[in-house]
N, C-alpha and C. Protein backbone atom coordinates (compact mmCIF):
# COMPACT_ATOMS: atom_id res chain seq x y z
N MET A 1 -9.87 -12.17 -7.40
CA MET A 1 -9.49 -11.08 -8.18
C MET A 1 -10.48 -9.91 -8.04
N ILE A 2 -10.04 -8.73 -8.10
CA ILE A 2 -10.72 -7.43 -8.44
C ILE A 2 -10.81 -6.77 -9.87
N GLU A 3 -11.70 -6.51 -10.35
CA GLU A 3 -11.59 -5.53 -11.39
C GLU A 3 -12.05 -4.19 -10.81
N THR A 4 -11.36 -3.03 -11.61
CA THR A 4 -11.74 -1.47 -11.66
C THR A 4 -11.93 -1.30 -13.08
N ASP A 5 -12.62 0.09 -13.27
CA ASP A 5 -12.66 0.52 -14.63
C ASP A 5 -11.36 0.27 -15.27
N ARG A 6 -10.07 0.35 -14.83
CA ARG A 6 -8.80 0.36 -15.38
C ARG A 6 -7.53 -1.01 -15.10
N LEU A 7 -8.07 -1.50 -13.84
CA LEU A 7 -6.85 -2.25 -13.14
C LEU A 7 -7.67 -3.54 -12.78
N ILE A 8 -6.54 -4.26 -12.84
CA ILE A 8 -6.87 -5.96 -12.13
C ILE A 8 -5.92 -5.71 -11.05
N LEU A 9 -6.49 -5.96 -9.97
CA LEU A 9 -6.16 -7.08 -8.56
C LEU A 9 -6.06 -7.69 -8.40
N SER A 10 -5.10 -8.57 -8.02
CA SER A 10 -5.04 -10.35 -7.57
C SER A 10 -3.86 -10.01 -6.44
N THR A 11 -4.11 -11.81 -5.73
CA THR A 11 -3.03 -11.70 -4.67
C THR A 11 -1.74 -12.04 -5.73
N PRO A 12 -0.96 -11.90 -4.63
CA PRO A 12 0.66 -11.65 -5.54
C PRO A 12 1.18 -13.15 -5.73
N ALA A 13 1.81 -13.29 -7.01
CA ALA A 13 2.31 -14.60 -7.19
C ALA A 13 3.90 -14.73 -7.91
N ILE A 14 4.33 -15.37 -7.23
CA ILE A 14 5.41 -15.62 -7.77
C ILE A 14 6.13 -14.95 -9.24
N ALA A 15 5.11 -15.34 -10.07
CA ALA A 15 5.47 -14.49 -11.41
C ALA A 15 6.07 -12.89 -11.17
N ASP A 16 4.93 -12.44 -10.23
CA ASP A 16 5.08 -10.93 -9.86
C ASP A 16 6.14 -10.99 -9.38
N PHE A 17 7.25 -11.67 -8.95
CA PHE A 17 8.72 -11.09 -8.18
C PHE A 17 9.64 -10.15 -8.80
N ASP A 18 9.90 -10.47 -10.51
CA ASP A 18 10.91 -9.90 -11.12
C ASP A 18 10.41 -8.25 -11.57
N ALA A 19 9.11 -8.03 -11.55
CA ALA A 19 8.41 -6.87 -11.62
C ALA A 19 8.68 -6.21 -10.30
N TYR A 20 7.86 -6.66 -9.06
CA TYR A 20 8.39 -6.23 -8.04
C TYR A 20 9.38 -5.77 -7.46
N HIS A 21 10.73 -6.60 -7.98
CA HIS A 21 11.72 -6.22 -7.66
C HIS A 21 12.25 -4.85 -8.48
N ALA A 22 11.99 -4.87 -9.86
CA ALA A 22 11.91 -3.17 -10.28
C ALA A 22 11.65 -2.38 -9.62
N LEU A 23 10.48 -2.50 -9.34
CA LEU A 23 9.51 -1.08 -8.68
C LEU A 23 10.30 -0.88 -7.57
N PHE A 24 10.98 -1.70 -6.53
CA PHE A 24 11.67 -0.99 -5.74
C PHE A 24 13.47 -0.71 -5.74
N SER A 25 13.65 -0.69 -7.49
CA SER A 25 15.09 -0.50 -7.38
C SER A 25 14.59 1.23 -8.60
N GLU A 26 13.60 2.09 -8.90
CA GLU A 26 12.99 2.99 -9.16
C GLU A 26 13.46 4.22 -7.96
N PRO A 27 14.49 5.06 -8.13
CA PRO A 27 14.73 5.81 -7.85
C PRO A 27 13.46 7.07 -7.23
N PRO A 28 12.68 7.32 -8.02
CA PRO A 28 10.84 7.86 -7.55
C PRO A 28 10.33 7.23 -6.66
N VAL A 29 10.56 5.85 -6.60
CA VAL A 29 9.98 4.85 -5.68
C VAL A 29 10.60 4.48 -4.55
N TYR A 30 12.06 4.10 -4.07
CA TYR A 30 12.77 4.13 -3.23
C TYR A 30 13.24 5.11 -1.92
N ARG A 31 12.99 6.11 -2.71
CA ARG A 31 13.27 7.91 -2.20
C ARG A 31 12.52 7.68 -0.98
N PHE A 32 11.60 7.23 -1.32
CA PHE A 32 10.52 7.43 0.01
C PHE A 32 10.62 6.35 1.05
N PHE A 33 11.52 5.31 0.66
CA PHE A 33 11.82 4.25 1.62
C PHE A 33 13.13 3.49 2.01
N GLY A 34 13.50 4.45 2.45
CA GLY A 34 15.11 4.29 2.69
C GLY A 34 16.18 5.25 1.98
N ASN A 35 15.58 5.60 0.86
CA ASN A 35 16.40 6.39 -0.48
C ASN A 35 17.26 5.35 -0.75
N THR A 36 17.45 4.20 -0.95
CA THR A 36 18.74 2.98 -1.14
C THR A 36 17.16 2.13 -2.20
N PRO A 37 18.01 1.60 -3.47
CA PRO A 37 17.03 0.11 -3.51
C PRO A 37 17.35 -1.00 -2.89
N LEU A 38 16.27 -1.55 -3.19
CA LEU A 38 16.54 -2.74 -2.30
C LEU A 38 17.17 -3.94 -3.08
N THR A 39 17.77 -4.48 -2.32
CA THR A 39 18.71 -5.58 -3.01
C THR A 39 17.52 -6.74 -3.50
N ARG A 40 18.21 -7.91 -4.25
CA ARG A 40 17.02 -8.57 -4.90
C ARG A 40 16.67 -9.82 -3.52
N ASN A 41 17.52 -9.63 -2.71
CA ASN A 41 17.27 -10.24 -1.40
C ASN A 41 16.20 -9.53 -0.28
N GLU A 42 16.58 -8.62 -0.44
CA GLU A 42 15.52 -7.60 0.23
C GLU A 42 14.53 -7.84 -0.28
N SER A 43 14.50 -7.33 -1.63
CA SER A 43 12.82 -7.58 -1.98
C SER A 43 12.27 -8.97 -2.13
N TRP A 44 13.43 -9.91 -1.86
CA TRP A 44 12.38 -10.96 -1.89
C TRP A 44 11.73 -11.17 -0.62
N THR A 45 12.91 -10.97 0.70
CA THR A 45 11.88 -11.02 1.96
C THR A 45 11.02 -9.87 1.63
N LYS A 46 11.02 -9.15 1.46
CA LYS A 46 9.72 -8.20 1.64
C LYS A 46 8.48 -8.62 0.93
N PHE A 47 8.77 -8.98 -0.17
CA PHE A 47 7.36 -10.12 -1.15
C PHE A 47 6.94 -10.96 -0.43
N LEU A 48 7.68 -12.13 0.17
CA LEU A 48 7.31 -13.04 1.12
C LEU A 48 6.55 -12.47 1.97
N ARG A 49 6.72 -11.99 2.86
CA ARG A 49 6.08 -11.29 3.93
C ARG A 49 4.90 -10.45 3.15
N GLY A 50 4.55 -10.02 2.19
CA GLY A 50 3.55 -9.46 1.62
C GLY A 50 2.48 -10.52 1.48
N ILE A 51 2.53 -11.93 0.91
CA ILE A 51 2.60 -13.23 0.90
C ILE A 51 1.79 -13.83 1.79
N GLY A 52 2.86 -13.64 3.01
CA GLY A 52 2.54 -14.34 4.46
C GLY A 52 1.50 -13.45 4.90
N HIS A 53 0.95 -12.75 4.85
CA HIS A 53 -0.31 -11.89 5.31
C HIS A 53 -1.59 -12.37 5.04
N TRP A 54 -1.52 -12.83 3.36
CA TRP A 54 -2.83 -13.76 3.22
C TRP A 54 -3.05 -14.60 4.03
N SER A 55 -1.85 -16.15 4.32
CA SER A 55 -2.41 -16.90 5.20
C SER A 55 -2.49 -16.79 6.65
N VAL A 56 -1.88 -15.76 7.05
CA VAL A 56 -2.02 -15.32 8.52
C VAL A 56 -3.73 -14.77 8.91
N PHE A 57 -3.50 -13.43 8.18
CA PHE A 57 -5.04 -12.75 8.17
C PHE A 57 -5.85 -12.96 6.95
N GLY A 58 -6.17 -13.15 6.10
CA GLY A 58 -6.85 -13.46 4.99
C GLY A 58 -6.80 -12.58 4.06
N PHE A 59 -5.99 -11.37 4.25
CA PHE A 59 -5.56 -10.19 3.49
C PHE A 59 -4.66 -9.96 3.45
N GLY A 60 -4.16 -8.90 2.53
CA GLY A 60 -3.05 -8.55 2.49
C GLY A 60 -2.78 -7.54 1.37
N MET A 61 -1.60 -7.76 0.72
CA MET A 61 -1.35 -6.76 -0.56
C MET A 61 -1.52 -7.88 -1.94
N PHE A 62 -2.50 -6.74 -2.26
CA PHE A 62 -2.99 -7.18 -3.84
C PHE A 62 -1.93 -6.77 -5.16
N SER A 63 -1.57 -7.78 -5.82
CA SER A 63 -0.59 -7.03 -7.24
C SER A 63 -2.12 -6.10 -8.27
N ILE A 64 -1.00 -5.14 -8.58
CA ILE A 64 -2.04 -4.10 -9.48
C ILE A 64 -1.45 -4.25 -10.90
N ARG A 65 -2.48 -4.89 -11.50
CA ARG A 65 -1.73 -4.50 -13.13
C ARG A 65 -3.04 -4.08 -14.25
N GLU A 66 -2.53 -3.24 -15.05
CA GLU A 66 -3.26 -2.21 -15.97
C GLU A 66 -4.07 -2.99 -16.32
N LYS A 67 -5.54 -3.30 -16.61
CA LYS A 67 -6.52 -4.10 -17.30
C LYS A 67 -6.10 -4.03 -18.69
N THR A 68 -5.82 -2.94 -19.86
CA THR A 68 -5.60 -3.29 -20.65
C THR A 68 -4.61 -4.21 -21.43
N THR A 69 -3.17 -3.85 -20.61
CA THR A 69 -2.35 -4.06 -21.38
C THR A 69 -1.52 -5.72 -20.14
N ARG A 70 -2.27 -5.59 -18.90
CA ARG A 70 -1.85 -6.77 -18.16
C ARG A 70 -0.43 -6.43 -17.37
N ARG A 71 -0.13 -5.22 -17.47
CA ARG A 71 1.21 -4.48 -16.75
C ARG A 71 1.14 -4.74 -15.48
N TYR A 72 2.29 -4.88 -14.63
CA TYR A 72 2.28 -4.96 -13.69
C TYR A 72 2.56 -3.62 -13.18
N LEU A 73 1.90 -2.78 -12.02
CA LEU A 73 2.18 -1.60 -11.56
C LEU A 73 2.58 -1.30 -10.16
N GLY A 74 2.41 -2.16 -9.25
CA GLY A 74 2.55 -2.32 -8.20
C GLY A 74 1.75 -2.75 -6.96
N GLU A 75 1.74 -2.36 -5.93
CA GLU A 75 0.75 -3.17 -5.20
C GLU A 75 0.05 -2.38 -3.85
N THR A 76 -1.08 -2.84 -3.15
CA THR A 76 -1.86 -1.90 -2.26
C THR A 76 -2.48 -3.13 -1.72
N GLY A 77 -3.08 -2.41 -0.29
CA GLY A 77 -3.84 -3.81 0.32
C GLY A 77 -3.49 -3.14 1.84
N LEU A 78 -4.00 -4.11 3.00
CA LEU A 78 -4.11 -3.48 4.23
C LEU A 78 -3.04 -4.29 4.71
N VAL A 79 -2.21 -4.24 5.86
CA VAL A 79 -0.89 -5.51 6.18
C VAL A 79 -0.80 -5.04 7.96
N HIS A 80 -0.07 -6.15 8.36
CA HIS A 80 0.36 -5.29 9.88
C HIS A 80 1.88 -5.67 9.88
N PHE A 81 2.62 -4.65 10.04
CA PHE A 81 3.93 -4.32 9.77
C PHE A 81 4.71 -4.67 10.97
N GLN A 82 3.98 -4.48 12.32
CA GLN A 82 4.22 -4.22 13.45
C GLN A 82 5.64 -3.42 13.49
N ARG A 83 5.45 -2.32 13.00
CA ARG A 83 6.57 -0.92 13.06
C ARG A 83 7.15 -0.66 14.40
N GLU A 84 6.36 -0.90 15.22
CA GLU A 84 6.78 -0.32 16.63
C GLU A 84 6.75 1.07 16.60
N LEU A 85 5.40 1.73 16.33
CA LEU A 85 5.25 3.05 16.80
C LEU A 85 4.22 3.35 17.28
N GLY A 86 3.97 2.33 18.35
CA GLY A 86 3.06 2.66 19.47
C GLY A 86 1.95 1.27 18.90
N PRO A 87 0.89 1.39 19.89
CA PRO A 87 -0.42 0.70 19.87
C PRO A 87 -1.43 1.12 19.23
N ASP A 88 -1.08 2.60 19.51
CA ASP A 88 -2.22 3.27 18.27
C ASP A 88 -2.04 2.65 16.78
N PHE A 89 -0.83 3.07 16.78
CA PHE A 89 -0.86 2.26 15.23
C PHE A 89 -0.69 0.73 15.10
N ASP A 90 0.35 0.21 15.64
CA ASP A 90 0.82 -1.01 15.07
C ASP A 90 -0.26 -2.31 15.81
N SER A 91 -1.41 -1.66 16.22
CA SER A 91 -2.81 -2.57 16.84
C SER A 91 -3.26 -2.75 15.75
N CYS A 92 -3.40 -1.71 14.42
CA CYS A 92 -4.19 -1.47 13.25
C CYS A 92 -3.93 -2.03 12.32
N ALA A 93 -4.60 -1.98 10.83
CA ALA A 93 -3.99 -3.03 9.39
C ALA A 93 -3.58 -1.57 9.11
N GLU A 94 -2.20 -1.37 8.34
CA GLU A 94 -1.89 -0.23 7.87
C GLU A 94 -2.30 -0.41 6.47
N ALA A 95 -2.86 0.74 5.45
CA ALA A 95 -3.18 0.77 4.26
C ALA A 95 -1.78 1.02 3.00
N VAL A 96 -1.66 0.33 2.58
CA VAL A 96 -0.19 0.77 1.64
C VAL A 96 -0.42 0.62 0.09
N TRP A 97 0.29 1.36 -0.62
CA TRP A 97 0.11 1.58 -2.11
C TRP A 97 1.39 2.17 -2.75
N ILE A 98 2.00 1.27 -3.87
CA ILE A 98 3.19 1.23 -4.16
C ILE A 98 2.81 1.21 -5.48
N LEU A 99 3.49 2.40 -6.38
CA LEU A 99 3.46 2.20 -7.65
C LEU A 99 4.49 2.52 -8.41
N THR A 100 5.00 1.59 -9.76
CA THR A 100 5.74 2.20 -10.77
C THR A 100 5.78 3.73 -11.23
N SER A 101 6.76 4.11 -10.92
CA SER A 101 7.06 5.56 -10.94
C SER A 101 6.27 6.29 -12.73
N ASP A 102 6.37 5.53 -13.85
CA ASP A 102 5.55 5.80 -14.73
C ASP A 102 4.04 5.82 -14.64
N ALA A 103 3.41 5.24 -13.68
CA ALA A 103 1.92 5.02 -13.20
C ALA A 103 1.96 6.13 -12.20
N HIS A 104 2.35 7.13 -11.86
CA HIS A 104 2.48 8.24 -10.52
C HIS A 104 1.43 9.28 -11.69
N GLY A 105 0.41 9.63 -10.50
CA GLY A 105 -0.17 10.69 -11.21
C GLY A 105 -1.23 10.92 -12.34
N LYS A 106 -1.54 9.48 -12.08
CA LYS A 106 -2.81 9.15 -13.50
C LYS A 106 -4.08 8.56 -12.46
N GLY A 107 -3.93 8.29 -11.07
CA GLY A 107 -5.03 8.07 -10.24
C GLY A 107 -5.24 6.45 -10.45
N TYR A 108 -4.29 5.99 -10.62
CA TYR A 108 -4.16 4.42 -10.28
C TYR A 108 -4.11 3.99 -8.69
N ALA A 109 -3.42 4.81 -8.02
CA ALA A 109 -3.29 4.40 -6.73
C ALA A 109 -4.38 4.35 -6.35
N THR A 110 -5.01 5.58 -6.42
CA THR A 110 -6.63 5.95 -5.27
C THR A 110 -7.70 4.67 -5.86
N GLU A 111 -7.52 4.27 -6.85
CA GLU A 111 -8.35 3.28 -7.60
C GLU A 111 -8.05 1.92 -7.24
N ALA A 112 -7.02 2.07 -7.27
CA ALA A 112 -6.25 0.23 -6.36
C ALA A 112 -6.46 -0.02 -5.30
N ALA A 113 -6.27 1.19 -4.25
CA ALA A 113 -6.37 1.21 -2.79
C ALA A 113 -7.83 1.47 -2.57
N GLU A 114 -8.64 2.26 -3.12
CA GLU A 114 -10.05 2.26 -2.88
C GLU A 114 -11.11 0.51 -3.17
N ALA A 115 -10.35 0.04 -4.21
CA ALA A 115 -10.83 -1.08 -4.17
C ALA A 115 -10.52 -2.00 -3.45
N ALA A 116 -9.36 -2.12 -2.90
CA ALA A 116 -8.86 -3.25 -1.93
C ALA A 116 -9.41 -2.92 -0.98
N LEU A 117 -9.50 -1.84 -0.33
CA LEU A 117 -10.27 -1.40 1.26
C LEU A 117 -11.46 -1.68 1.04
N ARG A 118 -12.29 -1.57 -0.03
CA ARG A 118 -13.79 -1.96 -0.08
C ARG A 118 -13.89 -3.34 0.24
N TRP A 119 -13.01 -4.37 -0.68
CA TRP A 119 -13.12 -5.57 -0.55
C TRP A 119 -12.57 -6.29 0.70
N ILE A 120 -11.74 -5.57 1.30
CA ILE A 120 -11.22 -6.20 2.62
C ILE A 120 -12.37 -5.59 3.79
N PHE A 121 -13.03 -4.58 3.82
CA PHE A 121 -14.11 -4.03 4.28
C PHE A 121 -15.37 -5.08 4.75
N ASP A 122 -15.33 -5.44 3.11
CA ASP A 122 -16.94 -6.11 2.80
C ASP A 122 -16.69 -7.84 3.22
N THR A 123 -15.05 -8.20 3.16
CA THR A 123 -15.12 -9.47 3.67
C THR A 123 -14.53 -9.75 5.21
N LYS A 124 -14.08 -8.77 5.73
CA LYS A 124 -13.37 -8.71 7.20
C LYS A 124 -14.09 -7.84 8.19
N GLY A 125 -14.98 -6.88 7.62
CA GLY A 125 -15.68 -6.07 8.61
C GLY A 125 -14.82 -4.70 8.45
N GLU A 126 -15.64 -3.39 8.67
CA GLU A 126 -15.30 -2.52 8.60
C GLU A 126 -13.87 -2.04 9.76
N GLN A 127 -13.18 -1.66 9.77
CA GLN A 127 -12.16 -1.32 11.07
C GLN A 127 -11.38 0.06 10.68
N ARG A 128 -11.08 0.43 11.60
CA ARG A 128 -9.90 1.71 11.83
C ARG A 128 -8.61 0.96 11.27
N SER A 129 -7.91 1.93 10.09
CA SER A 129 -6.83 1.94 9.65
C SER A 129 -6.00 2.77 9.88
N VAL A 130 -4.78 2.94 9.47
CA VAL A 130 -3.74 3.64 9.46
C VAL A 130 -2.56 3.96 8.36
N CYS A 131 -1.97 4.75 8.55
CA CYS A 131 -1.10 4.97 7.15
C CYS A 131 0.14 5.69 7.45
N LEU A 132 1.32 5.41 7.20
CA LEU A 132 2.26 6.04 7.26
C LEU A 132 2.97 6.51 5.98
N ILE A 133 3.17 7.69 5.92
CA ILE A 133 3.72 8.44 4.97
C ILE A 133 4.81 9.12 4.88
N ASP A 134 5.83 9.66 4.26
CA ASP A 134 6.95 10.67 4.07
C ASP A 134 6.34 11.89 4.14
N PRO A 135 6.63 13.05 5.07
CA PRO A 135 6.09 14.16 4.61
C PRO A 135 6.26 14.74 2.90
N GLU A 136 7.19 14.18 2.79
CA GLU A 136 7.83 15.06 1.53
C GLU A 136 7.04 13.98 0.06
N ASN A 137 6.50 12.85 0.65
CA ASN A 137 5.30 12.48 -0.39
C ASN A 137 3.92 12.77 -0.64
N THR A 138 4.15 13.80 -1.10
CA THR A 138 2.67 14.72 -1.65
C THR A 138 1.68 14.22 -2.29
N GLY A 139 2.07 13.49 -3.08
CA GLY A 139 1.05 12.31 -3.82
C GLY A 139 0.64 11.19 -3.16
N SER A 140 1.51 10.57 -2.51
CA SER A 140 0.57 9.80 -1.46
C SER A 140 -0.29 10.23 -0.21
N THR A 141 0.19 11.55 -0.03
CA THR A 141 -0.45 12.16 1.07
C THR A 141 -2.25 12.82 0.10
N ARG A 142 -2.25 12.91 -0.91
CA ARG A 142 -3.12 13.04 -1.46
C ARG A 142 -4.18 11.97 -1.92
N VAL A 143 -3.44 10.97 -2.26
CA VAL A 143 -4.34 9.51 -2.39
C VAL A 143 -4.76 9.22 -0.75
N ALA A 144 -4.08 9.75 0.32
CA ALA A 144 -4.90 9.25 1.57
C ALA A 144 -5.81 10.06 2.01
N GLU A 145 -5.78 11.20 1.40
CA GLU A 145 -6.93 12.26 2.04
C GLU A 145 -8.25 11.70 1.34
N LYS A 146 -7.99 11.40 -0.24
CA LYS A 146 -9.33 11.02 -0.96
C LYS A 146 -9.73 9.72 -0.43
N LEU A 147 -9.04 8.76 0.11
CA LEU A 147 -9.50 7.65 0.88
C LEU A 147 -9.98 7.86 2.19
N GLY A 148 -10.45 9.09 2.56
CA GLY A 148 -10.98 9.47 4.00
C GLY A 148 -9.67 9.26 5.15
N TYR A 149 -8.30 9.47 5.05
CA TYR A 149 -7.60 9.01 6.02
C TYR A 149 -7.41 10.56 6.29
N ARG A 150 -7.04 10.63 7.52
CA ARG A 150 -6.76 12.33 8.15
C ARG A 150 -5.21 12.60 9.11
N MET A 151 -4.82 12.99 9.03
CA MET A 151 -3.40 12.91 9.81
C MET A 151 -3.52 13.19 11.31
N LEU A 152 -3.04 12.49 12.22
CA LEU A 152 -2.97 12.58 13.49
C LEU A 152 -1.55 13.35 13.83
N GLU A 153 -0.56 12.51 13.45
CA GLU A 153 0.62 13.27 14.03
C GLU A 153 1.82 12.99 13.44
N PRO A 154 3.25 14.10 13.61
CA PRO A 154 4.21 13.59 12.98
C PRO A 154 4.95 12.71 13.95
N ARG A 155 5.75 11.80 13.55
CA ARG A 155 6.80 10.73 14.08
C ARG A 155 7.77 10.42 13.91
N THR A 156 8.71 9.49 14.16
CA THR A 156 9.57 9.49 13.63
C THR A 156 10.06 7.69 13.35
N TYR A 157 10.24 7.36 12.12
CA TYR A 157 10.34 5.72 11.90
C TYR A 157 11.73 5.74 11.22
N ARG A 158 12.53 4.76 12.18
CA ARG A 158 13.93 4.99 11.17
C ARG A 158 14.53 5.54 10.93
N GLU A 159 14.45 6.73 12.12
CA GLU A 159 15.34 7.97 12.09
C GLU A 159 14.93 9.38 11.18
N LYS A 160 13.73 9.24 10.89
CA LYS A 160 12.98 9.57 9.58
C LYS A 160 11.80 10.54 10.03
N PRO A 161 11.31 12.08 9.93
CA PRO A 161 10.27 11.79 10.39
C PRO A 161 9.12 11.25 9.10
N VAL A 162 8.16 10.94 9.89
CA VAL A 162 6.99 10.75 9.31
C VAL A 162 5.55 11.23 9.60
N THR A 163 4.31 10.85 8.44
CA THR A 163 3.45 11.48 8.95
C THR A 163 2.31 10.31 9.31
N ILE A 164 1.93 9.99 9.97
CA ILE A 164 0.58 9.45 10.95
C ILE A 164 -0.63 9.58 10.52
N LEU A 165 -1.42 8.86 10.13
CA LEU A 165 -2.63 9.30 9.34
C LEU A 165 -3.85 7.51 9.74
N GLU A 166 -4.88 8.32 9.91
CA GLU A 166 -5.92 7.37 10.28
C GLU A 166 -7.39 7.38 9.45
N ARG A 167 -7.95 6.33 9.58
CA ARG A 167 -9.26 6.14 9.07
C ARG A 167 -10.26 5.27 9.58
N MET A 168 -11.05 6.03 10.26
CA MET A 168 -12.30 5.74 10.68
C MET A 168 -12.98 5.09 9.94
N PRO A 169 -13.80 3.45 10.60
CA PRO A 169 -14.64 2.97 9.54
C PRO A 169 -15.99 3.89 9.02
N ASP A 170 -15.68 4.22 8.24
CA ASP A 170 -16.97 4.99 7.13
C ASP A 170 -16.72 5.10 5.80
N ARG A 171 -17.95 4.54 5.16
CA ARG A 171 -18.37 4.16 3.92
C ARG A 171 -18.04 4.78 2.77
N GLU A 172 -18.26 6.15 3.13
CA GLU A 172 -18.54 7.43 2.38
C GLU A 172 -17.65 7.73 1.20
N HIS A 173 -16.24 7.47 2.06
CA HIS A 173 -14.85 7.39 1.35
C HIS A 173 -14.74 6.55 0.20
N LEU A 174 -15.81 5.28 -0.12
CA LEU A 174 -15.34 4.37 -1.07
C LEU A 174 -16.79 4.72 -1.66
N THR A 175 -16.37 4.87 -2.86
CA THR A 175 -17.51 4.61 -3.62
C THR A 175 -18.19 3.29 -4.01
């Protein structure tokens, strides 16, 4: 478990699933993930994929909870999704952060992702990481920039334009 000033990050638990599924049913969230809410089955598959990262890689997605209320806010971490975007992307861990719409704009994504990256780099060693962001997701782009990610190039993923960013090993962006 990781604690920040306002958040608690922990490995995902089955008890998180209903809140996880609700997250991917929110239009402000899913609009950047295919513009369609996930079915319960799709959420379950995605949720288990996240849990599986921990047993295979020793890291993965953390569940994010608000410290004062213990309310589930989303997830963040590093993963290997094998998106078939080329060896310069798929060979690296991908940074991800997804929060409930009522948590947007409060700095939670940056706080959580920074804590998760710091933990992963402390336990697994610093490494180049990448992320994929919908060009219209300006909030997520701002988070990536605060974390030290720099734009590489636009690409197409699942027939949609996306922006690819990379972060080289450099602790100066993690406080």
